[in-house]
PDB file of N, CA and C in Angstrom:
ATOM      1  N   MET A   1     -82.437  96.604  30.977  1.00  0.00           N
ATOM      2  CA  MET A   1     -82.845  95.242  31.215  1.00  0.00           C
ATOM      3  C   MET A   1     -82.262  94.293  30.163  1.00  0.00           C
ATOM      4  N   LYS A   2     -82.327  94.715  28.876  1.00  0.00           N
ATOM      5  CA  LYS A   2     -81.796  93.864  27.808  1.00  0.00           C
ATOM      6  C   LYS A   2     -80.288  93.675  27.948  1.00  0.00           C
ATOM      7  N   LEU A   3     -79.593  94.742  28.324  1.00  0.00           N
ATOM      8  CA  LEU A   3     -78.141  94.630  28.489  1.00  0.00           C
ATOM      9  C   LEU A   3     -77.818  93.659  29.630  1.00  0.00           C
ATOM     10  N   ALA A   4     -78.518  93.781  30.749  1.00  0.00           N
ATOM     11  CA  ALA A   4     -78.279  92.880  31.884  1.00  0.00           C
ATOM     12  C   ALA A   4     -78.588  91.439  31.504  1.00  0.00           C
ATOM     13  N   LEU A   5     -79.676  91.206  30.781  1.00  0.00           N
ATOM     14  CA  LEU A   5     -80.026  89.858  30.352  1.00  0.00           C
ATOM     15  C   LEU A   5     -78.969  89.291  29.413  1.00  0.00           C
ATOM     16  N   SER A   6     -78.480  90.123  28.507  1.00  0.00           N
ATOM     17  CA  SER A   6     -77.422  89.693  27.589  1.00  0.00           C
ATOM     18  C   SER A   6     -76.164  89.294  28.365  1.00  0.00           C
ATOM     19  N   ILE A   7     -75.795  90.073  29.358  1.00  0.00           N
ATOM     20  CA  ILE A   7     -74.611  89.783  30.171  1.00  0.00           C
ATOM     21  C   ILE A   7     -74.806  88.495  30.971  1.00  0.00           C
ATOM     22  N   ILE A   8     -75.968  88.326  31.570  1.00  0.00           N
ATOM     23  CA  ILE A   8     -76.250  87.106  32.345  1.00  0.00           C
ATOM     24  C   ILE A   8     -76.170  85.871  31.447  1.00  0.00           C
ATOM     25  N   LEU A   9     -76.746  85.959  30.262  1.00  0.00           N
ATOM     26  CA  LEU A   9     -76.697  84.834  29.323  1.00  0.00           C
ATOM     27  C   LEU A   9     -75.271  84.565  28.857  1.00  0.00           C
ATOM     28  N   LEU A  10     -74.471  85.613  28.676  1.00  0.00           N
ATOM     29  CA  LEU A  10     -73.071  85.426  28.290  1.00  0.00           C
ATOM     30  C   LEU A  10     -72.273  84.758  29.405  1.00  0.00           C
ATOM     31  N   VAL A  11     -72.561  85.106  30.649  1.00  0.00           N
ATOM     32  CA  VAL A  11     -71.885  84.454  31.777  1.00  0.00           C
ATOM     33  C   VAL A  11     -72.241  82.968  31.800  1.00  0.00           C
ATOM     34  N   ALA A  12     -73.522  82.653  31.645  1.00  0.00           N
ATOM     35  CA  ALA A  12     -73.947  81.247  31.622  1.00  0.00           C
ATOM     36  C   ALA A  12     -73.299  80.521  30.449  1.00  0.00           C
ATOM     37  N   SER A  13     -73.293  81.154  29.295  1.00  0.00           N
ATOM     38  CA  SER A  13     -72.694  80.569  28.099  1.00  0.00           C
ATOM     39  C   SER A  13     -71.222  80.267  28.317  1.00  0.00           C
ATOM     40  N   ASN A  14     -70.494  81.219  28.849  1.00  0.00           N
ATOM     41  CA  ASN A  14     -69.064  81.040  29.075  1.00  0.00           C
ATOM     42  C   ASN A  14     -68.773  79.988  30.128  1.00  0.00           C
ATOM     43  N   THR A  15     -69.649  79.865  31.115  1.00  0.00           N
ATOM     44  CA  THR A  15     -69.467  78.828  32.126  1.00  0.00           C
ATOM     45  C   THR A  15     -69.556  77.446  31.483  1.00  0.00           C
ATOM     46  N   PHE A  16     -70.586  77.231  30.671  1.00  0.00           N
ATOM     47  CA  PHE A  16     -70.711  75.945  29.982  1.00  0.00           C
ATOM     48  C   PHE A  16     -69.536  75.703  29.035  1.00  0.00           C
ATOM     49  N   MET A  17     -69.120  76.730  28.310  1.00  0.00           N
ATOM     50  CA  MET A  17     -68.040  76.546  27.339  1.00  0.00           C
ATOM     51  C   MET A  17     -66.714  76.252  28.035  1.00  0.00           C
ATOM     52  N   THR A  18     -66.477  76.882  29.153  1.00  0.00           N
ATOM     53  CA  THR A  18     -65.246  76.615  29.898  1.00  0.00           C
ATOM     54  C   THR A  18     -65.195  75.154  30.329  1.00  0.00           C
ATOM     55  N   PHE A  19     -66.314  74.638  30.819  1.00  0.00           N
ATOM     56  CA  PHE A  19     -66.348  73.227  31.206  1.00  0.00           C
ATOM     57  C   PHE A  19     -66.250  72.314  29.986  1.00  0.00           C
ATOM     58  N   ALA A  20     -66.855  72.721  28.874  1.00  0.00           N
ATOM     59  CA  ALA A  20     -66.788  71.900  27.659  1.00  0.00           C
ATOM     60  C   ALA A  20     -65.353  71.802  27.154  1.00  0.00           C
ATOM     61  N   TRP A  21     -64.622  72.899  27.187  1.00  0.00           N
ATOM     62  CA  TRP A  21     -63.267  72.924  26.636  1.00  0.00           C
ATOM     63  C   TRP A  21     -62.223  72.380  27.598  1.00  0.00           C
ATOM     64  N   TYR A  22     -62.390  72.635  28.896  1.00  0.00           N
ATOM     65  CA  TYR A  22     -61.310  72.344  29.839  1.00  0.00           C
ATOM     66  C   TYR A  22     -61.681  71.402  30.981  1.00  0.00           C
ATOM     67  N   GLY A  23     -62.962  71.186  31.227  1.00  0.00           N
ATOM     68  CA  GLY A  23     -63.390  70.398  32.374  1.00  0.00           C
ATOM     69  C   GLY A  23     -62.821  68.990  32.410  1.00  0.00           C
ATOM     70  N   PHE A  24     -62.703  68.353  31.252  1.00  0.00           N
ATOM     71  CA  PHE A  24     -62.200  66.978  31.224  1.00  0.00           C
ATOM     72  C   PHE A  24     -60.704  66.898  31.522  1.00  0.00           C
ATOM     73  N   LEU A  25     -60.033  68.027  31.580  1.00  0.00           N
ATOM     74  CA  LEU A  25     -58.595  68.045  31.887  1.00  0.00           C
ATOM     75  C   LEU A  25     -58.319  68.001  33.385  1.00  0.00           C
ATOM     76  N   ARG A  26     -59.366  68.082  34.195  1.00  0.00           N
ATOM     77  CA  ARG A  26     -59.176  68.108  35.646  1.00  0.00           C
ATOM     78  C   ARG A  26     -58.477  66.840  36.129  1.00  0.00           C
ATOM     79  N   ASN A  27     -58.918  65.720  35.674  1.00  0.00           N
ATOM     80  CA  ASN A  27     -58.325  64.437  36.043  1.00  0.00           C
ATOM     81  C   ASN A  27     -57.996  63.653  34.770  1.00  0.00           C
ATOM     82  N   PRO A  28     -56.980  64.089  34.045  1.00  0.00           N
ATOM     83  CA  PRO A  28     -56.692  63.422  32.769  1.00  0.00           C
ATOM     84  C   PRO A  28     -56.347  61.945  32.937  1.00  0.00           C
ATOM     85  N   GLY A  29     -55.905  61.537  34.120  1.00  0.00           N
ATOM     86  CA  GLY A  29     -55.584  60.140  34.369  1.00  0.00           C
ATOM     87  C   GLY A  29     -56.815  59.239  34.354  1.00  0.00           C
ATOM     88  N   GLU A  30     -57.994  59.844  34.529  1.00  0.00           N
ATOM     89  CA  GLU A  30     -59.221  59.050  34.532  1.00  0.00           C
ATOM     90  C   GLU A  30     -59.638  58.642  33.118  1.00  0.00           C
ATOM     91  N   THR A  31     -59.170  59.363  32.126  1.00  0.00           N
ATOM     92  CA  THR A  31     -59.556  59.064  30.748  1.00  0.00           C
ATOM     93  C   THR A  31     -58.331  58.886  29.845  1.00  0.00           C
ATOM     94  N   PRO A  32     -57.290  58.182  30.316  1.00  0.00           N
ATOM     95  CA  PRO A  32     -56.083  58.107  29.495  1.00  0.00           C
ATOM     96  C   PRO A  32     -56.282  57.318  28.209  1.00  0.00           C
ATOM     97  N   ASP A  33     -57.180  56.351  28.245  1.00  0.00           N
ATOM     98  CA  ASP A  33     -57.399  55.525  27.067  1.00  0.00           C
ATOM     99  C   ASP A  33     -58.636  55.928  26.282  1.00  0.00           C
ATOM    100  N   ALA A  34     -59.304  56.980  26.716  1.00  0.00           N
ATOM    101  CA  ALA A  34     -60.508  57.424  26.011  1.00  0.00           C
ATOM    102  C   ALA A  34     -60.117  57.963  24.640  1.00  0.00           C
ATOM    103  N   PRO A  35     -60.766  57.470  23.594  1.00  0.00           N
ATOM    104  CA  PRO A  35     -60.481  58.013  22.264  1.00  0.00           C
ATOM    105  C   PRO A  35     -60.848  59.487  22.206  1.00  0.00           C
ATOM    106  N   TRP A  36     -60.104  60.257  21.457  1.00  0.00           N
ATOM    107  CA  TRP A  36     -60.336  61.700  21.383  1.00  0.00           C
ATOM    108  C   TRP A  36     -61.750  61.997  20.909  1.00  0.00           C
ATOM    109  N   TRP A  37     -62.317  61.146  20.049  1.00  0.00           N
ATOM    110  CA  TRP A  37     -63.647  61.425  19.519  1.00  0.00           C
ATOM    111  C   TRP A  37     -64.716  61.333  20.613  1.00  0.00           C
ATOM    112  N   LYS A  38     -64.488  60.507  21.632  1.00  0.00           N
ATOM    113  CA  LYS A  38     -65.435  60.460  22.750  1.00  0.00           C
ATOM    114  C   LYS A  38     -65.372  61.753  23.563  1.00  0.00           C
ATOM    115  N   LEU A  39     -64.156  62.252  23.751  1.00  0.00           N
ATOM    116  CA  LEU A  39     -64.009  63.527  24.459  1.00  0.00           C
ATOM    117  C   LEU A  39     -64.663  64.652  23.671  1.00  0.00           C
ATOM    118  N   VAL A  40     -64.511  64.607  22.347  1.00  0.00           N
ATOM    119  CA  VAL A  40     -65.128  65.626  21.494  1.00  0.00           C
ATOM    120  C   VAL A  40     -66.645  65.562  21.616  1.00  0.00           C
ATOM    121  N   LEU A  41     -67.206  64.369  21.556  1.00  0.00           N
ATOM    122  CA  LEU A  41     -68.666  64.233  21.661  1.00  0.00           C
ATOM    123  C   LEU A  41     -69.179  64.709  23.025  1.00  0.00           C
ATOM    124  N   MET A  42     -68.439  64.371  24.088  1.00  0.00           N
ATOM    125  CA  MET A  42     -68.828  64.862  25.418  1.00  0.00           C
ATOM    126  C   MET A  42     -68.783  66.390  25.451  1.00  0.00           C
ATOM    127  N   SER A  43     -67.707  66.947  24.905  1.00  0.00           N
ATOM    128  CA  SER A  43     -67.574  68.403  24.893  1.00  0.00           C
ATOM    129  C   SER A  43     -68.665  69.048  24.054  1.00  0.00           C
ATOM    130  N   TRP A  44     -69.001  68.453  22.929  1.00  0.00           N
ATOM    131  CA  TRP A  44     -70.077  68.999  22.095  1.00  0.00           C
ATOM    132  C   TRP A  44     -71.405  68.990  22.832  1.00  0.00           C
ATOM    133  N   GLY A  45     -71.634  67.948  23.631  1.00  0.00           N
ATOM    134  CA  GLY A  45     -72.864  67.896  24.408  1.00  0.00           C
ATOM    135  C   GLY A  45     -72.974  69.075  25.365  1.00  0.00           C
ATOM    136  N   VAL A  46     -71.872  69.396  26.023  1.00  0.00           N
ATOM    137  CA  VAL A  46     -71.861  70.536  26.942  1.00  0.00           C
ATOM    138  C   VAL A  46     -71.905  71.843  26.151  1.00  0.00           C
ATOM    139  N   ALA A  47     -71.187  71.875  25.018  1.00  0.00           N
ATOM    140  CA  ALA A  47     -71.149  73.090  24.199  1.00  0.00           C
ATOM    141  C   ALA A  47     -72.519  73.413  23.611  1.00  0.00           C
ATOM    142  N   PHE A  48     -73.346  72.390  23.394  1.00  0.00           N
ATOM    143  CA  PHE A  48     -74.702  72.657  22.912  1.00  0.00           C
ATOM    144  C   PHE A  48     -75.428  73.584  23.881  1.00  0.00           C
ATOM    145  N   LEU A  49     -75.253  73.325  25.175  1.00  0.00           N
ATOM    146  CA  LEU A  49     -75.869  74.195  26.181  1.00  0.00           C
ATOM    147  C   LEU A  49     -75.297  75.604  26.093  1.00  0.00           C
ATOM    148  N   GLU A  50     -74.016  75.696  25.791  1.00  0.00           N
ATOM    149  CA  GLU A  50     -73.380  77.010  25.627  1.00  0.00           C
ATOM    150  C   GLU A  50     -74.070  77.791  24.521  1.00  0.00           C
ATOM    151  N   TYR A  51     -74.344  77.126  23.410  1.00  0.00           N
ATOM    152  CA  TYR A  51     -75.009  77.800  22.299  1.00  0.00           C
ATOM    153  C   TYR A  51     -76.434  78.209  22.653  1.00  0.00           C
ATOM    154  N   CYS A  52     -77.086  77.439  23.503  1.00  0.00           N
ATOM    155  CA  CYS A  52     -78.447  77.777  23.927  1.00  0.00           C
ATOM    156  C   CYS A  52     -78.481  79.095  24.703  1.00  0.00           C
ATOM    157  N   PHE A  53     -77.352  79.488  25.264  1.00  0.00           N
ATOM    158  CA  PHE A  53     -77.254  80.770  25.962  1.00  0.00           C
ATOM    159  C   PHE A  53     -76.593  81.847  25.096  1.00  0.00           C
ATOM    160  N   MET A  54     -75.588  81.460  24.311  1.00  0.00           N
ATOM    161  CA  MET A  54     -74.826  82.432  23.522  1.00  0.00           C
ATOM    162  C   MET A  54     -75.667  83.075  22.418  1.00  0.00           C
ATOM    163  N   VAL A  55     -76.426  82.249  21.704  1.00  0.00           N
ATOM    164  CA  VAL A  55     -77.211  82.782  20.581  1.00  0.00           C
ATOM    165  C   VAL A  55     -78.213  83.832  21.058  1.00  0.00           C
ATOM    166  N   PRO A  56     -79.037  83.534  22.084  1.00  0.00           N
ATOM    167  CA  PRO A  56     -79.941  84.588  22.544  1.00  0.00           C
ATOM    168  C   PRO A  56     -79.209  85.785  23.152  1.00  0.00           C
ATOM    169  N   ALA A  57     -78.071  85.548  23.813  1.00  0.00           N
ATOM    170  CA  ALA A  57     -77.313  86.660  24.404  1.00  0.00           C
ATOM    171  C   ALA A  57     -76.879  87.642  23.315  1.00  0.00           C
ATOM    172  N   ASN A  58     -76.336  87.109  22.225  1.00  0.00           N
ATOM    173  CA  ASN A  58     -75.903  87.976  21.131  1.00  0.00           C
ATOM    174  C   ASN A  58     -77.087  88.652  20.452  1.00  0.00           C
ATOM    175  N   HIS A  59     -78.170  87.918  20.275  1.00  0.00           N
ATOM    176  CA  HIS A  59     -79.367  88.485  19.652  1.00  0.00           C
ATOM    177  C   HIS A  59     -79.925  89.638  20.497  1.00  0.00           C
ATOM    178  N   ILE A  60     -80.030  89.411  21.789  1.00  0.00           N
ATOM    179  CA  ILE A  60     -80.552  90.441  22.695  1.00  0.00           C
ATOM    180  C   ILE A  60     -79.599  91.636  22.749  1.00  0.00           C
ATOM    181  N   GLY A  61     -78.289  91.359  22.777  1.00  0.00           N
ATOM    182  CA  GLY A  61     -77.304  92.446  22.777  1.00  0.00           C
ATOM    183  C   GLY A  61     -77.404  93.316  21.540  1.00  0.00           C
ATOM    184  N   ARG A  62     -77.627  92.674  20.378  1.00  0.00           N
ATOM    185  CA  ARG A  62     -77.784  93.450  19.141  1.00  0.00           C
ATOM    186  C   ARG A  62     -79.071  94.263  19.169  1.00  0.00           C
ATOM    187  N   GLU A  63     -80.152  93.663  19.695  1.00  0.00           N
ATOM    188  CA  GLU A  63     -81.413  94.409  19.831  1.00  0.00           C
ATOM    189  C   GLU A  63     -81.229  95.629  20.724  1.00  0.00           C
ATOM    190  N   TYR A  64     -80.386  95.490  21.746  1.00  0.00           N
ATOM    191  CA  TYR A  64     -80.104  96.590  22.655  1.00  0.00           C
ATOM    192  C   TYR A  64     -79.327  97.700  21.949  1.00  0.00           C
ATOM    193  N   GLY A  65     -78.593  97.329  20.895  1.00  0.00           N
ATOM    194  CA  GLY A  65     -77.840  98.319  20.127  1.00  0.00           C
ATOM    195  C   GLY A  65     -76.331  98.140  20.189  1.00  0.00           C
ATOM    196  N   LEU A  66     -75.866  97.032  20.747  1.00  0.00           N
ATOM    197  CA  LEU A  66     -74.426  96.797  20.802  1.00  0.00           C
ATOM    198  C   LEU A  66     -73.895  96.429  19.421  1.00  0.00           C
ATOM    199  N   SER A  67     -72.716  96.919  19.114  1.00  0.00           N
ATOM    200  CA  SER A  67     -72.066  96.540  17.856  1.00  0.00           C
ATOM    201  C   SER A  67     -71.456  95.150  18.019  1.00  0.00           C
ATOM    202  N   LEU A  68     -71.051  94.564  16.907  1.00  0.00           N
ATOM    203  CA  LEU A  68     -70.394  93.258  16.977  1.00  0.00           C
ATOM    204  C   LEU A  68     -69.107  93.343  17.788  1.00  0.00           C
ATOM    205  N   ALA A  69     -68.357  94.424  17.620  1.00  0.00           N
ATOM    206  CA  ALA A  69     -67.114  94.597  18.381  1.00  0.00           C
ATOM    207  C   ALA A  69     -67.411  94.676  19.877  1.00  0.00           C
ATOM    208  N   GLN A  70     -68.446  95.402  20.245  1.00  0.00           N
ATOM    209  CA  GLN A  70     -68.804  95.513  21.651  1.00  0.00           C
ATOM    210  C   GLN A  70     -69.216  94.155  22.222  1.00  0.00           C
ATOM    211  N   LEU A  71     -70.007  93.400  21.473  1.00  0.00           N
ATOM    212  CA  LEU A  71     -70.417  92.068  21.926  1.00  0.00           C
ATOM    213  C   LEU A  71     -69.206  91.159  22.114  1.00  0.00           C
ATOM    214  N   LYS A  72     -68.284  91.187  21.154  1.00  0.00           N
ATOM    215  CA  LYS A  72     -67.128  90.287  21.210  1.00  0.00           C
ATOM    216  C   LYS A  72     -66.191  90.650  22.359  1.00  0.00           C
ATOM    217  N   ILE A  73     -65.898  91.917  22.528  1.00  0.00           N
ATOM    218  CA  ILE A  73     -65.009  92.332  23.610  1.00  0.00           C
ATOM    219  C   ILE A  73     -65.660  92.054  24.962  1.00  0.00           C
ATOM    220  N   MET A  74     -66.966  92.301  25.079  1.00  0.00           N
ATOM    221  CA  MET A  74     -67.667  91.998  26.318  1.00  0.00           C
ATOM    222  C   MET A  74     -67.589  90.499  26.604  1.00  0.00           C
ATOM    223  N   GLN A  75     -67.763  89.688  25.572  1.00  0.00           N
ATOM    224  CA  GLN A  75     -67.683  88.241  25.735  1.00  0.00           C
ATOM    225  C   GLN A  75     -66.289  87.811  26.175  1.00  0.00           C
ATOM    226  N   GLU A  76     -65.259  88.434  25.636  1.00  0.00           N
ATOM    227  CA  GLU A  76     -63.882  88.095  26.025  1.00  0.00           C
ATOM    228  C   GLU A  76     -63.618  88.456  27.482  1.00  0.00           C
ATOM    229  N   ALA A  77     -64.122  89.603  27.921  1.00  0.00           N
ATOM    230  CA  ALA A  77     -63.945  90.001  29.322  1.00  0.00           C
ATOM    231  C   ALA A  77     -64.679  89.029  30.247  1.00  0.00           C
ATOM    232  N   ILE A  78     -65.883  88.633  29.856  1.00  0.00           N
ATOM    233  CA  ILE A  78     -66.638  87.666  30.648  1.00  0.00           C
ATOM    234  C   ILE A  78     -65.929  86.320  30.660  1.00  0.00           C
ATOM    235  N   THR A  79     -65.347  85.951  29.532  1.00  0.00           N
ATOM    236  CA  THR A  79     -64.602  84.690  29.461  1.00  0.00           C
ATOM    237  C   THR A  79     -63.496  84.655  30.510  1.00  0.00           C
ATOM    238  N   LEU A  80     -62.743  85.733  30.624  1.00  0.00           N
ATOM    239  CA  LEU A  80     -61.681  85.772  31.635  1.00  0.00           C
ATOM    240  C   LEU A  80     -62.245  85.782  33.049  1.00  0.00           C
ATOM    241  N   ALA A  81     -63.333  86.501  33.246  1.00  0.00           N
ATOM    242  CA  ALA A  81     -63.943  86.559  34.575  1.00  0.00           C
ATOM    243  C   ALA A  81     -64.469  85.187  35.007  1.00  0.00           C
ATOM    244  N   VAL A  82     -64.879  84.367  34.057  1.00  0.00           N
ATOM    245  CA  VAL A  82     -65.341  83.011  34.357  1.00  0.00           C
ATOM    246  C   VAL A  82     -64.154  82.053  34.445  1.00  0.00           C
ATOM    247  N   PHE A  83     -63.189  82.212  33.539  1.00  0.00           N
ATOM    248  CA  PHE A  83     -62.107  81.239  33.424  1.00  0.00           C
ATOM    249  C   PHE A  83     -61.141  81.269  34.606  1.00  0.00           C
ATOM    250  N   VAL A  84     -60.779  82.434  35.082  1.00  0.00           N
ATOM    251  CA  VAL A  84     -59.785  82.515  36.153  1.00  0.00           C
ATOM    252  C   VAL A  84     -60.282  81.819  37.429  1.00  0.00           C
ATOM    253  N   PRO A  85     -61.513  82.079  37.902  1.00  0.00           N
ATOM    254  CA  PRO A  85     -61.980  81.307  39.070  1.00  0.00           C
ATOM    255  C   PRO A  85     -62.074  79.803  38.776  1.00  0.00           C
ATOM    256  N   PHE A  86     -62.503  79.432  37.585  1.00  0.00           N
ATOM    257  CA  PHE A  86     -62.555  78.018  37.190  1.00  0.00           C
ATOM    258  C   PHE A  86     -61.170  77.394  37.294  1.00  0.00           C
ATOM    259  N   MET A  87     -60.190  78.096  36.762  1.00  0.00           N
ATOM    260  CA  MET A  87     -58.814  77.599  36.734  1.00  0.00           C
ATOM    261  C   MET A  87     -58.259  77.427  38.159  1.00  0.00           C
ATOM    262  N   ILE A  88     -58.568  78.371  39.018  1.00  0.00           N
ATOM    263  CA  ILE A  88     -58.017  78.334  40.376  1.00  0.00           C
ATOM    264  C   ILE A  88     -58.800  77.368  41.272  1.00  0.00           C
ATOM    265  N   TYR A  89     -60.136  77.504  41.283  1.00  0.00           N
ATOM    266  CA  TYR A  89     -60.934  76.731  42.242  1.00  0.00           C
ATOM    267  C   TYR A  89     -61.292  75.332  41.745  1.00  0.00           C
ATOM    268  N   PHE A  90     -61.557  75.162  40.462  1.00  0.00           N
ATOM    269  CA  PHE A  90     -61.946  73.858  39.946  1.00  0.00           C
ATOM    270  C   PHE A  90     -60.732  73.035  39.517  1.00  0.00           C
ATOM    271  N   MET A  91     -59.795  73.697  38.835  1.00  0.00           N
ATOM    272  CA  MET A  91     -58.633  72.974  38.312  1.00  0.00           C
ATOM    273  C   MET A  91     -57.464  72.954  39.296  1.00  0.00           C
ATOM    274  N   GLY A  92     -57.487  73.831  40.316  1.00  0.00           N
ATOM    275  CA  GLY A  92     -56.447  73.830  41.338  1.00  0.00           C
ATOM    276  C   GLY A  92     -55.137  74.464  40.918  1.00  0.00           C
ATOM    277  N   GLU A  93     -55.168  75.312  39.891  1.00  0.00           N
ATOM    278  CA  GLU A  93     -53.940  75.987  39.467  1.00  0.00           C
ATOM    279  C   GLU A  93     -53.682  77.190  40.371  1.00  0.00           C
ATOM    280  N   HIS A  94     -52.465  77.644  40.394  1.00  0.00           N
ATOM    281  CA  HIS A  94     -52.065  78.734  41.286  1.00  0.00           C
ATOM    282  C   HIS A  94     -52.240  80.088  40.615  1.00  0.00           C
ATOM    283  N   TRP A  95     -52.563  81.070  41.450  1.00  0.00           N
ATOM    284  CA  TRP A  95     -52.730  82.452  41.007  1.00  0.00           C
ATOM    285  C   TRP A  95     -51.382  83.048  40.623  1.00  0.00           C
ATOM    286  N   LYS A  96     -51.392  83.850  39.560  1.00  0.00           N
ATOM    287  CA  LYS A  96     -50.240  84.666  39.174  1.00  0.00           C
ATOM    288  C   LYS A  96     -50.755  86.082  38.944  1.00  0.00           C
ATOM    289  N   TRP A  97     -49.979  87.040  39.358  1.00  0.00           N
ATOM    290  CA  TRP A  97     -50.396  88.433  39.189  1.00  0.00           C
ATOM    291  C   TRP A  97     -50.521  88.811  37.720  1.00  0.00           C
ATOM    292  N   ASP A  98     -49.837  88.112  36.848  1.00  0.00           N
ATOM    293  CA  ASP A  98     -49.962  88.395  35.416  1.00  0.00           C
ATOM    294  C   ASP A  98     -51.393  88.210  34.935  1.00  0.00           C
ATOM    295  N   TYR A  99     -52.175  87.347  35.605  1.00  0.00           N
ATOM    296  CA  TYR A  99     -53.576  87.169  35.227  1.00  0.00           C
ATOM    297  C   TYR A  99     -54.359  88.460  35.444  1.00  0.00           C
ATOM    298  N   LEU A 100     -54.060  89.136  36.541  1.00  0.00           N
ATOM    299  CA  LEU A 100     -54.726  90.408  36.804  1.00  0.00           C
ATOM    300  C   LEU A 100     -54.368  91.438  35.740  1.00  0.00           C
ATOM    301  N   TRP A 101     -53.087  91.532  35.415  1.00  0.00           N
ATOM    302  CA  TRP A 101     -52.654  92.522  34.423  1.00  0.00           C
ATOM    303  C   TRP A 101     -53.285  92.220  33.060  1.00  0.00           C
ATOM    304  N   ALA A 102     -53.362  90.948  32.698  1.00  0.00           N
ATOM    305  CA  ALA A 102     -53.994  90.566  31.434  1.00  0.00           C
ATOM    306  C   ALA A 102     -55.473  90.948  31.445  1.00  0.00           C
ATOM    307  N   PHE A 103     -56.143  90.694  32.577  1.00  0.00           N
ATOM    308  CA  PHE A 103     -57.551  91.040  32.683  1.00  0.00           C
ATOM    309  C   PHE A 103     -57.745  92.554  32.568  1.00  0.00           C
ATOM    310  N   LEU A 104     -56.862  93.325  33.187  1.00  0.00           N
ATOM    311  CA  LEU A 104     -56.963  94.782  33.085  1.00  0.00           C
ATOM    312  C   LEU A 104     -56.766  95.255  31.651  1.00  0.00           C
ATOM    313  N   CYS A 105     -55.900  94.583  30.905  1.00  0.00           N
ATOM    314  CA  CYS A 105     -55.731  94.916  29.480  1.00  0.00           C
ATOM    315  C   CYS A 105     -57.029  94.675  28.716  1.00  0.00           C
ATOM    316  N   VAL A 106     -57.706  93.571  29.011  1.00  0.00           N
ATOM    317  CA  VAL A 106     -58.982  93.288  28.359  1.00  0.00           C
ATOM    318  C   VAL A 106     -60.020  94.327  28.776  1.00  0.00           C
ATOM    319  N   MET A 107     -59.994  94.739  30.040  1.00  0.00           N
ATOM    320  CA  MET A 107     -60.921  95.786  30.492  1.00  0.00           C
ATOM    321  C   MET A 107     -60.641  97.092  29.749  1.00  0.00           C
ATOM    322  N   GLY A 108     -59.367  97.338  29.437  1.00  0.00           N
ATOM    323  CA  GLY A 108     -59.029  98.492  28.605  1.00  0.00           C
ATOM    324  C   GLY A 108     -59.672  98.378  27.231  1.00  0.00           C
ATOM    325  N   ALA A 109     -59.680  97.179  26.673  1.00  0.00           N
ATOM    326  CA  ALA A 109     -60.335  96.959  25.383  1.00  0.00           C
ATOM    327  C   ALA A 109     -61.837  97.225  25.493  1.00  0.00           C
ATOM    328  N   VAL A 110     -62.433  96.803  26.599  1.00  0.00           N
ATOM    329  CA  VAL A 110     -63.862  97.066  26.816  1.00  0.00           C
ATOM    330  C   VAL A 110     -64.102  98.573  26.849  1.00  0.00           C
ATOM    331  N   PHE A 111     -63.241  99.297  27.544  1.00  0.00           N
ATOM    332  CA  PHE A 111     -63.381 100.751  27.606  1.00  0.00           C
ATOM    333  C   PHE A 111     -63.282 101.373  26.216  1.00  0.00           C
ATOM    334  N   PHE A 112     -62.250 100.991  25.465  1.00  0.00           N
ATOM    335  CA  PHE A 112     -62.043 101.622  24.165  1.00  0.00           C
ATOM    336  C   PHE A 112     -63.134 101.291  23.159  1.00  0.00           C
ATOM    337  N   VAL A 113     -63.672 100.084  23.198  1.00  0.00           N
ATOM    338  CA  VAL A 113     -64.716  99.726  22.239  1.00  0.00           C
ATOM    339  C   VAL A 113     -66.047 100.394  22.600  1.00  0.00           C
ATOM    340  N   ASN A 114     -66.189 100.829  23.851  1.00  0.00           N
ATOM    341  CA  ASN A 114     -67.412 101.491  24.301  1.00  0.00           C
ATOM    342  C   ASN A 114     -67.215 102.980  24.556  1.00  0.00           C
ATOM    343  N   ARG A 115     -66.049 103.517  24.243  1.00  0.00           N
ATOM    344  CA  ARG A 115     -65.699 104.886  24.608  1.00  0.00           C
ATOM    345  C   ARG A 115     -66.685 105.913  24.095  1.00  0.00           C
ATOM    346  N   GLU A 116     -67.190 105.766  22.873  1.00  0.00           N
ATOM    347  CA  GLU A 116     -68.130 106.771  22.343  1.00  0.00           C
ATOM    348  C   GLU A 116     -69.359 106.891  23.229  1.00  0.00           C
ATOM    349  N   GLY A 117     -69.922 105.755  23.641  1.00  0.00           N
ATOM    350  CA  GLY A 117     -71.123 105.776  24.479  1.00  0.00           C
ATOM    351  C   GLY A 117     -70.840 106.272  25.883  1.00  0.00           C
ATOM    352  N   ILE A 118     -69.600 106.066  26.353  1.00  0.00           N
ATOM    353  CA  ILE A 118     -69.242 106.484  27.701  1.00  0.00           C
ATOM    354  C   ILE A 118     -68.952 107.971  27.738  1.00  0.00           C
ATOM    355  N   MET A 119     -68.292 108.477  26.691  1.00  0.00           N
ATOM    356  CA  MET A 119     -67.825 109.861  26.694  1.00  0.00           C
ATOM    357  C   MET A 119     -68.907 110.862  26.282  1.00  0.00           C
ATOM    358  N   THR A 120     -69.918 110.392  25.545  1.00  0.00           N
ATOM    359  CA  THR A 120     -70.945 111.335  25.103  1.00  0.00           C
ATOM    360  C   THR A 120     -72.076 111.361  26.123  1.00  0.00           C
ATOM    361  N   PRO A 121     -72.550 112.555  26.451  1.00  0.00           N
ATOM    362  CA  PRO A 121     -73.608 112.679  27.460  1.00  0.00           C
ATOM    363  C   PRO A 121     -74.939 112.141  27.003  1.00  0.00           C
TER     364      PRO A 121
END
């Protein structure tokens, strides 16, 4: 249960962070004269919500027994799982097969950082 809750919170966290970092780039023509500091403040507002999910996700993951490496690699895999659909469906960018290969490499990292728990009965 704790692992599932940690993963759900990480997905929510990454969704907010993706919008905080990249959402304003969807229509850059709408904010051509906006000072960078206004964009930063808007992004920080959204990123605050990201922290409201990330901090408990990491805390719960550690309580479950995940190492820092496991938490970070899991977060990176979730980041890609959130970012690629965002990039394609929200931002309108085109799919490239290299995205799949990159994601599989990250999944390899997830496997290797968790290998002891997977391989031991």
